[in-house]
Amino acid sequence: LVWPTRPAPSVLELAVDAAPQLAASWVACVVRVGPARHIADLAAECLWRAPLAIPDTAQVWSNLVSASTSSESGISSAAVRSAGDAAECAVECTSPWLQSLVCPLTHERLRMPVRGRHCPHLRCFELEAFLVASSRAVFRRRWRCPVCDRPLPPSELLVCEFTKAILRAEPADVNEVRLEGRWRLPTPQAPSASGDCPARARHRQAQHPEQPEQRAHREEGPRARQPPQQQQQRQQREK
């Protein structure tokens, strides 16, 4: 049943001829949908969002390599999860060493490569092809990633900067590249001893600059741990 939206509350009445069954054995489901969105509008919103930066792609690639290495070394998924690597176990990988430049939907070379914000793979697909195919699919199959089959609403679509760079640099007849040499992704920066990544530590330092007395105390720390003879030599040089 479809009825127009009105300022006044809408009333939905259902009459069920359930004989000889009881009416309580029936289930009624109501789906409330928003106004129809055009493909061009959805594509424009995706292009407006901040893309997937190369460090983000490098982190996914690192998870792929770790999952592949764990599989080859015979480590069971239960043992890996017990070690705290559940995120890496969730990564789906066919070959972490190759990056395809062909859309799995159109089987043509990519022009605007996108993938899901939380998709555990590097392979991309064509933006417009995904929007058109998903909008025309049956209700239960709409908005699912064509690579990993996970739910993927249009709001989670992001352009992959790494794949775009490959497409710009490689000839038109190249359909895949190996993730080594020129296209080797950087190793993600490990967190520091304090639990912060280097970028976060730099941001914290910029927000809370070190005071002169704090800097003097920090620099004096290693000196205080020097042997007495070295301390005397240092004091003589300073005089």
Protein backbone atom coordinates (compact mmCIF):
# COMPACT_ATOMS: atom_id res chain seq x y z
CA LEU A 1 0.00 0.00 0.00
CA VAL A 2 1.26 3.45 -0.91
CA TRP A 3 -0.28 6.67 0.28
CA PRO A 4 0.94 10.28 -0.09
CA THR A 5 2.72 11.99 2.77
CA ARG A 6 0.40 14.45 4.50
CA PRO A 7 0.89 16.78 7.46
CA ALA A 8 -1.87 14.90 9.30
CA PRO A 9 -1.03 11.45 10.75
CA SER A 10 -1.61 8.62 8.29
CA VAL A 11 -3.70 5.62 9.30
CA LEU A 12 -3.15 2.17 7.81
CA GLU A 13 -5.93 -0.39 8.18
CA LEU A 14 -5.45 -4.05 7.31
CA ALA A 15 -8.26 -6.54 6.83
CA VAL A 16 -7.14 -10.17 6.76
CA ASP A 17 -9.32 -13.06 5.72
CA ALA A 18 -7.33 -15.68 7.65
CA ALA A 19 -9.99 -18.40 7.96
CA PRO A 20 -9.48 -21.11 9.05
CA GLN A 21 -6.20 -19.72 10.51
CA LEU A 22 -6.08 -17.16 13.29
CA ALA A 23 -5.25 -13.59 12.39
CA ALA A 24 -2.52 -13.62 15.05
CA SER A 25 -0.50 -16.06 12.92
CA TRP A 26 0.01 -13.42 10.22
CA VAL A 27 2.83 -10.86 10.18
CA ALA A 28 2.55 -7.46 8.50
CA CYS A 29 5.73 -5.60 7.52
CA VAL A 30 5.80 -1.92 6.61
CA VAL A 31 8.83 -0.41 4.89
CA ARG A 32 9.16 3.35 4.98
CA VAL A 33 11.28 4.68 2.15
CA GLY A 34 12.56 8.14 1.37
CA PRO A 35 12.21 10.08 -1.85
CA ALA A 36 13.82 8.57 -4.93
CA ARG A 37 17.44 9.56 -5.50
CA HIS A 38 18.97 9.99 -8.92
CA ILE A 39 22.17 8.17 -9.87
CA ALA A 40 23.84 11.47 -10.72
CA ASP A 41 23.12 12.84 -7.24
CA LEU A 42 24.52 9.74 -5.51
CA ALA A 43 27.65 9.84 -7.68
CA ALA A 44 28.16 13.54 -6.95
CA GLU A 45 27.91 12.91 -3.20
CA CYS A 46 30.53 10.18 -3.45
CA LEU A 47 32.92 12.42 -5.39
CA TRP A 48 32.38 15.20 -2.85
CA ARG A 49 33.54 13.06 0.09
CA ALA A 50 37.16 12.81 1.14
CA PRO A 51 38.74 9.89 -0.77
CA LEU A 52 40.51 6.86 0.65
CA ALA A 53 44.05 8.13 1.15
CA ILE A 54 47.09 6.01 0.35
CA PRO A 55 47.90 5.40 4.07
CA ASP A 56 44.39 3.93 4.49
CA THR A 57 44.98 1.63 1.53
CA ALA A 58 48.38 0.69 2.92
CA GLN A 59 46.75 -0.43 6.17
CA VAL A 60 44.31 -2.68 4.29
CA TRP A 61 47.18 -4.11 2.24
CA SER A 62 49.17 -4.79 5.41
CA ASN A 63 46.18 -6.71 6.83
CA LEU A 64 45.91 -8.70 3.59
CA VAL A 65 49.58 -9.66 3.69
CA SER A 66 49.37 -10.62 7.36
CA ALA A 67 46.30 -12.78 6.75
CA SER A 68 47.97 -14.45 3.76
CA THR A 69 51.15 -15.11 5.74
CA SER A 70 49.18 -16.59 8.63
CA SER A 71 47.31 -18.89 6.25
CA GLU A 72 50.48 -20.08 4.54
CA SER A 73 52.23 -20.77 7.83
CA GLY A 74 49.40 -23.05 8.96
CA ILE A 75 48.13 -20.86 11.79
CA SER A 76 44.48 -21.61 12.43
CA SER A 77 41.98 -18.78 12.54
CA ALA A 78 41.14 -19.63 16.15
CA ALA A 79 44.77 -19.29 17.18
CA VAL A 80 45.10 -15.98 15.37
CA ARG A 81 41.97 -14.62 17.01
CA SER A 82 43.27 -15.68 20.41
CA ALA A 83 46.36 -13.61 19.67
CA GLY A 84 44.20 -10.52 19.15
CA ASP A 85 44.30 -10.44 15.34
CA ALA A 86 40.58 -10.80 14.75
CA ALA A 87 40.57 -7.76 12.46
CA GLU A 88 43.14 -9.36 10.19
CA CYS A 89 41.24 -12.66 10.19
CA ALA A 90 38.21 -10.83 8.78
CA VAL A 91 40.19 -9.72 5.74
CA GLU A 92 39.17 -11.42 2.51
CA CYS A 93 42.01 -11.93 0.11
CA THR A 94 42.43 -13.62 -3.25
CA SER A 95 45.88 -12.23 -4.06
CA PRO A 96 47.28 -9.35 -2.01
CA TRP A 97 50.14 -8.90 -4.48
CA LEU A 98 48.01 -7.85 -7.48
CA GLN A 99 45.76 -4.84 -7.95
CA SER A 100 43.16 -5.30 -10.66
CA LEU A 101 42.26 -2.32 -12.82
CA VAL A 102 39.15 -4.00 -14.26
CA CYS A 103 35.66 -3.50 -12.85
CA PRO A 104 34.05 -6.79 -11.73
CA LEU A 105 30.67 -5.50 -12.93
CA THR A 106 31.45 -4.16 -16.40
CA HIS A 107 34.66 -6.16 -17.04
CA GLU A 108 36.12 -2.97 -18.45
CA ARG A 109 39.00 -0.79 -17.30
CA LEU A 110 38.12 1.41 -14.37
CA ARG A 111 37.55 5.11 -14.79
CA MET A 112 36.35 6.14 -11.31
CA PRO A 113 37.49 3.41 -8.87
CA VAL A 114 35.58 3.15 -5.61
CA ARG A 115 35.23 0.69 -2.75
CA GLY A 116 33.56 0.59 0.63
CA ARG A 117 34.92 2.52 3.57
CA HIS A 118 35.17 -0.70 5.62
CA CYS A 119 35.68 -3.24 2.84
CA PRO A 120 38.60 -5.60 3.65
CA HIS A 121 40.05 -5.67 0.13
CA LEU A 122 41.89 -3.42 -2.32
CA ARG A 123 39.97 -4.25 -5.49
CA CYS A 124 37.76 -1.43 -6.70
CA PHE A 125 34.74 -1.21 -8.98
CA GLU A 126 33.23 1.45 -11.22
CA LEU A 127 31.20 4.07 -9.36
CA GLU A 128 28.38 4.56 -11.85
CA ALA A 129 28.12 0.86 -12.69
CA PHE A 130 27.69 -0.02 -9.02
CA LEU A 131 25.02 2.63 -8.46
CA VAL A 132 23.04 1.55 -11.51
CA ALA A 133 23.30 -2.19 -10.80
CA SER A 134 22.40 -1.82 -7.12
CA SER A 135 19.44 0.45 -7.73
CA ARG A 136 17.97 -2.09 -10.19
CA ALA A 137 18.62 -5.19 -8.08
CA VAL A 138 15.94 -6.99 -6.08
CA PHE A 139 15.35 -5.50 -2.65
CA ARG A 140 17.34 -8.07 -0.64
CA ARG A 141 20.34 -7.78 -2.98
CA ARG A 142 20.57 -4.00 -3.15
CA TRP A 143 23.63 -2.11 -2.02
CA ARG A 144 26.04 -4.98 -1.53
CA CYS A 145 29.73 -4.89 -2.43
CA PRO A 146 30.36 -6.80 -5.68
CA VAL A 147 33.73 -8.00 -4.32
CA CYS A 148 33.08 -9.11 -0.71
CA ASP A 149 29.23 -9.11 -0.76
CA ARG A 150 29.01 -7.03 2.40
CA PRO A 151 26.28 -4.39 2.85
CA LEU A 152 27.46 -1.22 1.14
CA PRO A 153 25.08 1.76 1.14
CA PRO A 154 25.95 4.70 -1.13
CA SER A 155 26.99 6.74 1.91
CA GLU A 156 29.95 4.33 2.47
CA LEU A 157 31.37 4.63 -1.07
CA LEU A 158 34.78 6.31 -1.33
CA VAL A 159 37.11 6.93 -4.25
CA CYS A 160 40.44 5.07 -3.98
CA GLU A 161 43.31 7.51 -4.52
CA PHE A 162 45.86 4.71 -4.88
CA THR A 163 43.99 3.02 -7.74
CA LYS A 164 43.39 6.39 -9.41
CA ALA A 165 47.13 7.05 -9.38
CA ILE A 166 47.78 3.68 -11.02
CA LEU A 167 45.17 4.34 -13.71
CA ARG A 168 46.72 7.71 -14.52
CA ALA A 169 50.25 6.33 -14.77
CA GLU A 170 49.78 2.97 -16.50
CA PRO A 171 48.99 2.52 -20.22
CA ALA A 172 45.40 1.78 -21.25
CA ASP A 173 46.19 -1.86 -22.08
CA VAL A 174 47.39 -2.66 -18.53
CA ASN A 175 44.66 -4.46 -16.56
CA GLU A 176 46.55 -5.23 -13.34
CA VAL A 177 49.74 -4.32 -11.55
CA ARG A 178 51.89 -6.03 -8.96
CA LEU A 179 52.14 -4.27 -5.61
CA GLU A 180 55.90 -4.08 -5.64
CA GLY A 181 58.60 -1.75 -6.92
CA ARG A 182 56.92 1.41 -8.13
CA TRP A 183 53.51 0.45 -6.73
CA ARG A 184 54.63 -0.99 -3.43
CA LEU A 185 52.50 0.46 -0.67
CA PRO A 186 54.26 2.04 2.31
CA THR A 187 54.38 0.15 5.58
CA PRO A 188 51.85 1.59 8.05
CA GLN A 189 53.46 3.43 10.96
CA ALA A 190 53.35 1.44 14.17
CA PRO A 191 51.97 3.07 17.34
CA SER A 192 54.50 4.55 19.75
CA ALA A 193 55.17 3.23 23.24
CA SER A 194 52.51 5.58 24.60
CA GLY A 195 49.92 4.00 22.30
CA ASP A 196 49.74 6.99 19.92
CA CYS A 197 50.69 6.93 16.29
CA PRO A 198 53.39 9.45 15.23
CA ALA A 199 50.83 11.73 13.57
CA ARG A 200 48.71 11.85 16.72
CA ALA A 201 51.80 12.53 18.83
CA ARG A 202 52.76 15.44 16.56
CA HIS A 203 49.22 16.80 16.80
CA ARG A 204 49.28 16.59 20.60
CA GLN A 205 52.66 18.32 20.68
CA ALA A 206 51.32 21.14 18.50
CA GLN A 207 48.29 21.57 20.76
CA HIS A 208 50.38 21.47 23.95
CA PRO A 209 53.88 22.82 23.20
CA GLU A 210 56.68 21.87 25.55
CA GLN A 211 57.60 24.50 28.14
CA PRO A 212 61.27 25.60 28.57
CA GLU A 213 61.54 24.05 32.04
CA GLN A 214 60.08 20.77 30.72
CA ARG A 215 62.60 20.73 27.89
CA ALA A 216 65.45 21.42 30.32
CA HIS A 217 64.31 18.61 32.58
CA ARG A 218 64.01 16.22 29.63
CA GLU A 219 67.49 17.08 28.36
CA GLU A 220 68.96 16.86 31.86
CA GLY A 221 67.62 13.33 32.34
CA PRO A 222 70.23 11.51 30.20
CA ARG A 223 72.99 13.69 31.64
CA ALA A 224 72.05 12.76 35.21
CA ARG A 225 72.50 9.11 34.32
CA GLN A 226 76.09 9.65 33.10
CA PRO A 227 79.03 8.36 35.18
CA PRO A 228 80.57 10.95 37.57
CA GLN A 229 83.73 11.26 35.43
CA GLN A 230 81.74 12.14 32.33
CA GLN A 231 79.68 14.64 34.31
CA GLN A 232 82.85 16.40 35.49
CA GLN A 233 84.21 16.54 31.93
CA ARG A 234 80.94 17.98 30.68
CA GLN A 235 80.90 20.64 33.42
CA GLN A 236 84.48 21.64 32.52
CA ARG A 237 83.55 22.01 28.85
CA GLU A 238 80.55 24.13 29.73
CA LYS A 239 82.73 26.47 31.80
